[in-house]
Each structure stands twice: as structure tokens, then as C-alpha cells.
Amino acid sequence: YFHNLQNLSLAYCRKFTDKGLQYLNLGNGCHKLIYLDLSGCTQISVQGFRNIANSCTGIMHLTINDMPTLTDNCVKSFCKTALFLEHLDVSYCSQLSDDIIKTVAIFCTRITSLNIAGCP
């Protein structure tokens, strides 16, 4: 169950799905996760981000860069429950709009670092 897991990088892993992320939400593991890197994991849907957000509410550092399929709704679903988020890196995510800045400003009150480099 990884009760004490704090750092998890799944960057560029393509073989897990939203169902795998659902296990984080169903069990009692990974609640101490503070660092998560999902860079390049283009298979994650909005529901996958909801599963992560619901189970890993203590995340302080989230990196989800280099994801051309990442949408505002994916980030919004995470930001609504990420009460401790301080660092958000969504660089090189071409689908994000100006709304992402508004979403972060409204929901992520502890944010100290936002990287939106390469987001047209």
C-alpha cells in the first residue's frame, strides 16, 4: 500500500491507465505523497486526475509537463482538492488556456511557483 511513500515519478510511463490511478483513490495508501511527476503521461484522462486529487490531497509539488493532451479541466480537477500545492509545472502543455492561471489563483492559495513555459 506504500503508506510512507512521499515521492513518486511516473514520468513518461505509458503502460498505466486511469484504472491504475483509481487504486490510489480506493485504498489507504499514498496519502503521504508530496511530490508527483506525471510528465509525458498522455493517457491520463480528467477522471485519472480526479482519482489522484481525491486520494493524494497532500501533494505539494506537481509536475505534469510535456503533455499535449492536458486540458484546463484536468488541472482544474486537481487544483480543487490540492490544498497544499506549492509548485505546479505545466510547461509545454499546448492545450492549456489563460483560464489555468485563474484556476490556480482561485484554488491553489499556497502556490509559490507556477511554470507555464511553452504554453502558447
N, C-alpha and C. Protein backbone atom coordinates (compact mmCIF):
# COMPACT_ATOMS: atom_id res chain seq x y z
N TYR A 1 0.79 -1.22 0.00
CA TYR A 1 0.00 0.00 0.00
C TYR A 1 0.83 1.28 0.00
N PHE A 2 2.11 1.17 0.18
CA PHE A 2 3.01 2.33 0.16
C PHE A 2 2.55 3.43 1.12
N HIS A 3 2.32 3.07 2.36
CA HIS A 3 1.82 4.02 3.35
C HIS A 3 2.74 5.21 3.57
N ASN A 4 4.05 5.03 3.40
CA ASN A 4 5.00 6.10 3.68
C ASN A 4 5.61 6.71 2.43
N LEU A 5 5.12 6.37 1.26
CA LEU A 5 5.66 6.90 0.01
C LEU A 5 5.43 8.41 -0.07
N GLN A 6 6.51 9.16 -0.31
CA GLN A 6 6.41 10.62 -0.40
C GLN A 6 6.71 11.15 -1.78
N ASN A 7 7.58 10.50 -2.54
CA ASN A 7 7.97 10.96 -3.87
C ASN A 7 7.67 9.88 -4.89
N LEU A 8 6.96 10.25 -5.95
CA LEU A 8 6.61 9.30 -7.00
C LEU A 8 6.77 9.95 -8.36
N SER A 9 7.59 9.34 -9.19
CA SER A 9 7.74 9.81 -10.56
C SER A 9 7.29 8.71 -11.51
N LEU A 10 6.27 9.00 -12.27
CA LEU A 10 5.78 8.12 -13.33
C LEU A 10 6.02 8.76 -14.69
N ALA A 11 6.97 9.68 -14.74
CA ALA A 11 7.25 10.44 -15.96
C ALA A 11 7.50 9.52 -17.15
N TYR A 12 6.76 9.77 -18.21
CA TYR A 12 6.88 9.08 -19.49
C TYR A 12 6.57 7.59 -19.40
N CYS A 13 5.88 7.16 -18.35
CA CYS A 13 5.39 5.78 -18.26
C CYS A 13 4.07 5.73 -19.03
N ARG A 14 3.97 4.85 -19.97
CA ARG A 14 2.78 4.79 -20.83
C ARG A 14 1.90 3.57 -20.57
N LYS A 15 2.33 2.68 -19.69
CA LYS A 15 1.62 1.41 -19.54
C LYS A 15 0.60 1.40 -18.41
N PHE A 16 0.47 2.48 -17.65
CA PHE A 16 -0.57 2.51 -16.63
C PHE A 16 -1.73 3.33 -17.16
N THR A 17 -2.90 3.10 -16.59
CA THR A 17 -4.13 3.75 -17.06
C THR A 17 -4.84 4.44 -15.91
N ASP A 18 -5.98 5.02 -16.22
CA ASP A 18 -6.81 5.64 -15.20
C ASP A 18 -7.22 4.60 -14.15
N LYS A 19 -7.41 3.35 -14.57
CA LYS A 19 -7.77 2.30 -13.62
C LYS A 19 -6.67 2.11 -12.59
N GLY A 20 -5.43 2.17 -13.01
CA GLY A 20 -4.32 2.08 -12.07
C GLY A 20 -4.32 3.23 -11.08
N LEU A 21 -4.64 4.42 -11.56
CA LEU A 21 -4.71 5.59 -10.68
C LEU A 21 -5.92 5.50 -9.74
N GLN A 22 -6.94 4.76 -10.14
CA GLN A 22 -8.11 4.58 -9.30
C GLN A 22 -7.75 3.83 -8.02
N TYR A 23 -6.78 2.94 -8.09
CA TYR A 23 -6.36 2.19 -6.90
C TYR A 23 -5.81 3.12 -5.82
N LEU A 24 -5.22 4.24 -6.23
CA LEU A 24 -4.78 5.22 -5.24
C LEU A 24 -5.96 5.77 -4.47
N ASN A 25 -7.06 5.95 -5.16
CA ASN A 25 -8.26 6.52 -4.56
C ASN A 25 -9.02 5.51 -3.71
N LEU A 26 -8.97 4.23 -4.07
CA LEU A 26 -9.75 3.21 -3.37
C LEU A 26 -9.11 2.75 -2.07
N GLY A 27 -7.79 2.66 -2.05
CA GLY A 27 -7.11 2.12 -0.88
C GLY A 27 -6.76 3.18 0.15
N ASN A 28 -5.88 2.77 1.05
CA ASN A 28 -5.45 3.72 2.07
C ASN A 28 -3.97 4.04 1.93
N GLY A 29 -3.43 3.83 0.75
CA GLY A 29 -2.02 4.11 0.53
C GLY A 29 -1.80 5.43 -0.19
N CYS A 30 -0.56 5.87 -0.19
CA CYS A 30 -0.11 7.07 -0.90
C CYS A 30 -0.69 8.38 -0.37
N HIS A 31 -1.19 8.37 0.84
CA HIS A 31 -1.74 9.61 1.39
C HIS A 31 -0.66 10.56 1.89
N LYS A 32 0.58 10.09 1.97
CA LYS A 32 1.68 10.95 2.39
C LYS A 32 2.47 11.49 1.20
N LEU A 33 1.97 11.27 0.00
CA LEU A 33 2.66 11.71 -1.21
C LEU A 33 2.73 13.22 -1.25
N ILE A 34 3.96 13.76 -1.43
CA ILE A 34 4.12 15.21 -1.51
C ILE A 34 4.70 15.64 -2.85
N TYR A 35 5.32 14.71 -3.61
CA TYR A 35 5.91 15.02 -4.91
C TYR A 35 5.39 14.01 -5.92
N LEU A 36 4.84 14.51 -7.03
CA LEU A 36 4.33 13.64 -8.08
C LEU A 36 4.71 14.21 -9.44
N ASP A 37 5.32 13.37 -10.27
CA ASP A 37 5.71 13.75 -11.63
C ASP A 37 5.00 12.85 -12.61
N LEU A 38 4.11 13.42 -13.41
CA LEU A 38 3.36 12.70 -14.43
C LEU A 38 3.68 13.22 -15.83
N SER A 39 4.87 13.77 -16.00
CA SER A 39 5.26 14.35 -17.29
C SER A 39 5.15 13.32 -18.41
N GLY A 40 4.58 13.74 -19.52
CA GLY A 40 4.51 12.90 -20.70
C GLY A 40 3.53 11.74 -20.63
N CYS A 41 2.74 11.65 -19.59
CA CYS A 41 1.77 10.55 -19.44
C CYS A 41 0.46 10.96 -20.11
N THR A 42 0.44 10.91 -21.41
CA THR A 42 -0.69 11.43 -22.18
C THR A 42 -1.95 10.58 -22.08
N GLN A 43 -1.85 9.39 -21.50
CA GLN A 43 -3.01 8.51 -21.40
C GLN A 43 -3.93 8.85 -20.23
N ILE A 44 -3.53 9.77 -19.37
CA ILE A 44 -4.34 10.11 -18.19
C ILE A 44 -5.47 11.04 -18.60
N SER A 45 -6.69 10.68 -18.20
CA SER A 45 -7.87 11.50 -18.52
C SER A 45 -8.21 12.40 -17.35
N VAL A 46 -9.28 13.17 -17.50
CA VAL A 46 -9.76 14.02 -16.42
C VAL A 46 -10.11 13.16 -15.21
N GLN A 47 -10.72 12.00 -15.44
CA GLN A 47 -11.07 11.10 -14.33
C GLN A 47 -9.82 10.62 -13.61
N GLY A 48 -8.75 10.36 -14.33
CA GLY A 48 -7.49 9.97 -13.70
C GLY A 48 -6.96 11.05 -12.78
N PHE A 49 -7.06 12.29 -13.22
CA PHE A 49 -6.64 13.40 -12.37
C PHE A 49 -7.55 13.55 -11.15
N ARG A 50 -8.84 13.28 -11.32
CA ARG A 50 -9.75 13.32 -10.17
C ARG A 50 -9.37 12.24 -9.15
N ASN A 51 -9.02 11.05 -9.65
CA ASN A 51 -8.62 9.96 -8.75
C ASN A 51 -7.39 10.36 -7.93
N ILE A 52 -6.43 10.97 -8.59
CA ILE A 52 -5.21 11.41 -7.90
C ILE A 52 -5.57 12.50 -6.89
N ALA A 53 -6.36 13.45 -7.32
CA ALA A 53 -6.73 14.57 -6.45
C ALA A 53 -7.48 14.11 -5.22
N ASN A 54 -8.35 13.13 -5.37
CA ASN A 54 -9.14 12.65 -4.24
C ASN A 54 -8.34 11.85 -3.24
N SER A 55 -7.28 11.20 -3.68
CA SER A 55 -6.54 10.33 -2.78
C SER A 55 -5.23 10.94 -2.29
N CYS A 56 -4.67 11.85 -3.03
CA CYS A 56 -3.35 12.41 -2.69
C CYS A 56 -3.48 13.91 -2.42
N THR A 57 -4.22 14.25 -1.40
CA THR A 57 -4.53 15.65 -1.13
C THR A 57 -3.37 16.44 -0.54
N GLY A 58 -2.30 15.76 -0.13
CA GLY A 58 -1.17 16.45 0.47
C GLY A 58 -0.06 16.80 -0.48
N ILE A 59 -0.27 16.61 -1.78
CA ILE A 59 0.78 16.89 -2.76
C ILE A 59 1.16 18.37 -2.71
N MET A 60 2.46 18.61 -2.63
CA MET A 60 2.98 19.97 -2.60
C MET A 60 3.66 20.35 -3.91
N HIS A 61 4.17 19.35 -4.64
CA HIS A 61 4.90 19.60 -5.87
C HIS A 61 4.35 18.68 -6.95
N LEU A 62 3.77 19.28 -7.99
CA LEU A 62 3.18 18.51 -9.09
C LEU A 62 3.80 18.93 -10.40
N THR A 63 4.35 17.96 -11.11
CA THR A 63 4.93 18.21 -12.43
C THR A 63 4.15 17.39 -13.45
N ILE A 64 3.51 18.07 -14.38
CA ILE A 64 2.76 17.40 -15.45
C ILE A 64 3.07 18.09 -16.77
N ASN A 65 4.34 18.23 -17.06
CA ASN A 65 4.73 18.94 -18.28
C ASN A 65 4.85 17.99 -19.48
N ASP A 66 5.01 18.60 -20.64
CA ASP A 66 5.18 17.86 -21.90
C ASP A 66 4.00 16.93 -22.16
N MET A 67 2.80 17.46 -21.97
CA MET A 67 1.58 16.68 -22.21
C MET A 67 0.66 17.45 -23.14
N PRO A 68 0.77 17.22 -24.44
CA PRO A 68 -0.05 17.97 -25.40
C PRO A 68 -1.54 17.72 -25.24
N THR A 69 -1.94 16.69 -24.53
CA THR A 69 -3.36 16.39 -24.34
C THR A 69 -3.93 16.95 -23.04
N LEU A 70 -3.10 17.54 -22.20
CA LEU A 70 -3.56 18.08 -20.92
C LEU A 70 -4.48 19.28 -21.15
N THR A 71 -5.64 19.25 -20.53
CA THR A 71 -6.61 20.34 -20.69
C THR A 71 -6.78 21.11 -19.39
N ASP A 72 -7.45 22.23 -19.49
CA ASP A 72 -7.75 23.04 -18.31
C ASP A 72 -8.55 22.25 -17.29
N ASN A 73 -9.49 21.42 -17.76
CA ASN A 73 -10.32 20.64 -16.84
C ASN A 73 -9.50 19.64 -16.03
N CYS A 74 -8.47 19.05 -16.63
CA CYS A 74 -7.60 18.13 -15.89
C CYS A 74 -6.93 18.85 -14.74
N VAL A 75 -6.37 20.01 -15.01
CA VAL A 75 -5.66 20.76 -13.98
C VAL A 75 -6.66 21.29 -12.95
N LYS A 76 -7.81 21.74 -13.42
CA LYS A 76 -8.83 22.28 -12.51
C LYS A 76 -9.30 21.20 -11.53
N SER A 77 -9.52 19.99 -12.02
CA SER A 77 -9.99 18.92 -11.13
C SER A 77 -8.96 18.62 -10.05
N PHE A 78 -7.70 18.77 -10.37
CA PHE A 78 -6.67 18.55 -9.36
C PHE A 78 -6.58 19.72 -8.39
N CYS A 79 -6.59 20.92 -8.92
CA CYS A 79 -6.40 22.11 -8.08
C CYS A 79 -7.52 22.28 -7.04
N LYS A 80 -8.70 21.79 -7.33
CA LYS A 80 -9.82 21.95 -6.41
C LYS A 80 -9.58 21.25 -5.07
N THR A 81 -8.78 20.19 -5.05
CA THR A 81 -8.57 19.46 -3.81
C THR A 81 -7.12 19.52 -3.31
N ALA A 82 -6.23 20.09 -4.09
CA ALA A 82 -4.82 20.15 -3.71
C ALA A 82 -4.57 21.34 -2.79
N LEU A 83 -4.92 21.17 -1.56
CA LEU A 83 -4.88 22.28 -0.60
C LEU A 83 -3.46 22.72 -0.25
N PHE A 84 -2.47 21.85 -0.42
CA PHE A 84 -1.11 22.16 0.00
C PHE A 84 -0.17 22.40 -1.19
N LEU A 85 -0.70 22.46 -2.40
CA LEU A 85 0.12 22.60 -3.60
C LEU A 85 0.90 23.92 -3.58
N GLU A 86 2.22 23.81 -3.68
CA GLU A 86 3.10 24.98 -3.69
C GLU A 86 3.79 25.17 -5.04
N HIS A 87 4.09 24.09 -5.73
CA HIS A 87 4.81 24.15 -7.00
C HIS A 87 4.04 23.39 -8.06
N LEU A 88 3.71 24.07 -9.15
CA LEU A 88 2.99 23.45 -10.26
C LEU A 88 3.75 23.72 -11.55
N ASP A 89 4.13 22.66 -12.24
CA ASP A 89 4.84 22.77 -13.51
C ASP A 89 3.98 22.14 -14.60
N VAL A 90 3.42 22.98 -15.47
CA VAL A 90 2.62 22.52 -16.60
C VAL A 90 3.24 23.01 -17.91
N SER A 91 4.55 23.11 -17.93
CA SER A 91 5.24 23.63 -19.11
C SER A 91 5.06 22.69 -20.30
N TYR A 92 4.99 23.30 -21.47
CA TYR A 92 4.87 22.60 -22.74
C TYR A 92 3.61 21.74 -22.84
N CYS A 93 2.52 22.28 -22.34
CA CYS A 93 1.20 21.67 -22.45
C CYS A 93 0.38 22.59 -23.35
N SER A 94 0.34 22.29 -24.62
CA SER A 94 -0.18 23.22 -25.62
C SER A 94 -1.68 23.46 -25.58
N GLN A 95 -2.45 22.63 -24.90
CA GLN A 95 -3.91 22.79 -24.85
C GLN A 95 -4.38 23.73 -23.74
N LEU A 96 -3.49 24.11 -22.84
CA LEU A 96 -3.90 24.96 -21.72
C LEU A 96 -4.17 26.39 -22.18
N SER A 97 -5.15 27.01 -21.56
CA SER A 97 -5.52 28.38 -21.91
C SER A 97 -5.21 29.32 -20.75
N ASP A 98 -5.59 30.57 -20.92
CA ASP A 98 -5.41 31.56 -19.87
C ASP A 98 -6.18 31.21 -18.60
N ASP A 99 -7.23 30.41 -18.75
CA ASP A 99 -8.05 30.02 -17.59
C ASP A 99 -7.25 29.27 -16.54
N ILE A 100 -6.15 28.65 -16.93
CA ILE A 100 -5.34 27.90 -15.97
C ILE A 100 -4.78 28.83 -14.90
N ILE A 101 -4.41 30.03 -15.29
CA ILE A 101 -3.87 30.98 -14.33
C ILE A 101 -4.96 31.40 -13.34
N LYS A 102 -6.17 31.62 -13.84
CA LYS A 102 -7.29 31.96 -12.97
C LYS A 102 -7.62 30.81 -12.02
N THR A 103 -7.60 29.59 -12.54
CA THR A 103 -7.87 28.41 -11.72
C THR A 103 -6.86 28.28 -10.59
N VAL A 104 -5.59 28.44 -10.91
CA VAL A 104 -4.54 28.34 -9.90
C VAL A 104 -4.69 29.44 -8.86
N ALA A 105 -5.01 30.65 -9.32
CA ALA A 105 -5.16 31.78 -8.40
C ALA A 105 -6.33 31.57 -7.43
N ILE A 106 -7.40 30.95 -7.91
CA ILE A 106 -8.59 30.76 -7.07
C ILE A 106 -8.41 29.60 -6.10
N PHE A 107 -7.93 28.45 -6.60
CA PHE A 107 -7.94 27.23 -5.81
C PHE A 107 -6.62 26.93 -5.09
N CYS A 108 -5.52 27.36 -5.63
CA CYS A 108 -4.21 27.00 -5.07
C CYS A 108 -3.64 28.19 -4.30
N THR A 109 -4.13 28.40 -3.12
CA THR A 109 -3.77 29.59 -2.35
C THR A 109 -2.35 29.55 -1.80
N ARG A 110 -1.73 28.39 -1.75
CA ARG A 110 -0.36 28.28 -1.24
C ARG A 110 0.70 28.26 -2.35
N ILE A 111 0.29 28.44 -3.57
CA ILE A 111 1.21 28.32 -4.70
C ILE A 111 2.31 29.38 -4.63
N THR A 112 3.55 28.91 -4.79
CA THR A 112 4.69 29.84 -4.81
C THR A 112 5.44 29.76 -6.12
N SER A 113 5.18 28.72 -6.91
CA SER A 113 5.90 28.53 -8.17
C SER A 113 4.95 27.93 -9.21
N LEU A 114 4.81 28.62 -10.33
CA LEU A 114 3.98 28.15 -11.44
C LEU A 114 4.80 28.26 -12.71
N ASN A 115 5.04 27.13 -13.39
CA ASN A 115 5.80 27.12 -14.63
C ASN A 115 4.86 26.83 -15.78
N ILE A 116 4.67 27.82 -16.65
CA ILE A 116 3.81 27.66 -17.83
C ILE A 116 4.61 27.90 -19.12
N ALA A 117 5.92 27.68 -19.06
CA ALA A 117 6.79 27.89 -20.22
C ALA A 117 6.32 26.99 -21.38
N GLY A 118 6.31 27.54 -22.57
CA GLY A 118 5.95 26.77 -23.75
C GLY A 118 4.48 26.51 -23.90
N CYS A 119 3.65 27.19 -23.13
CA CYS A 119 2.19 27.06 -23.27
C CYS A 119 1.70 28.25 -24.09
N PRO A 120 1.38 28.02 -25.35
CA PRO A 120 1.03 29.15 -26.23
C PRO A 120 -0.25 29.86 -25.81
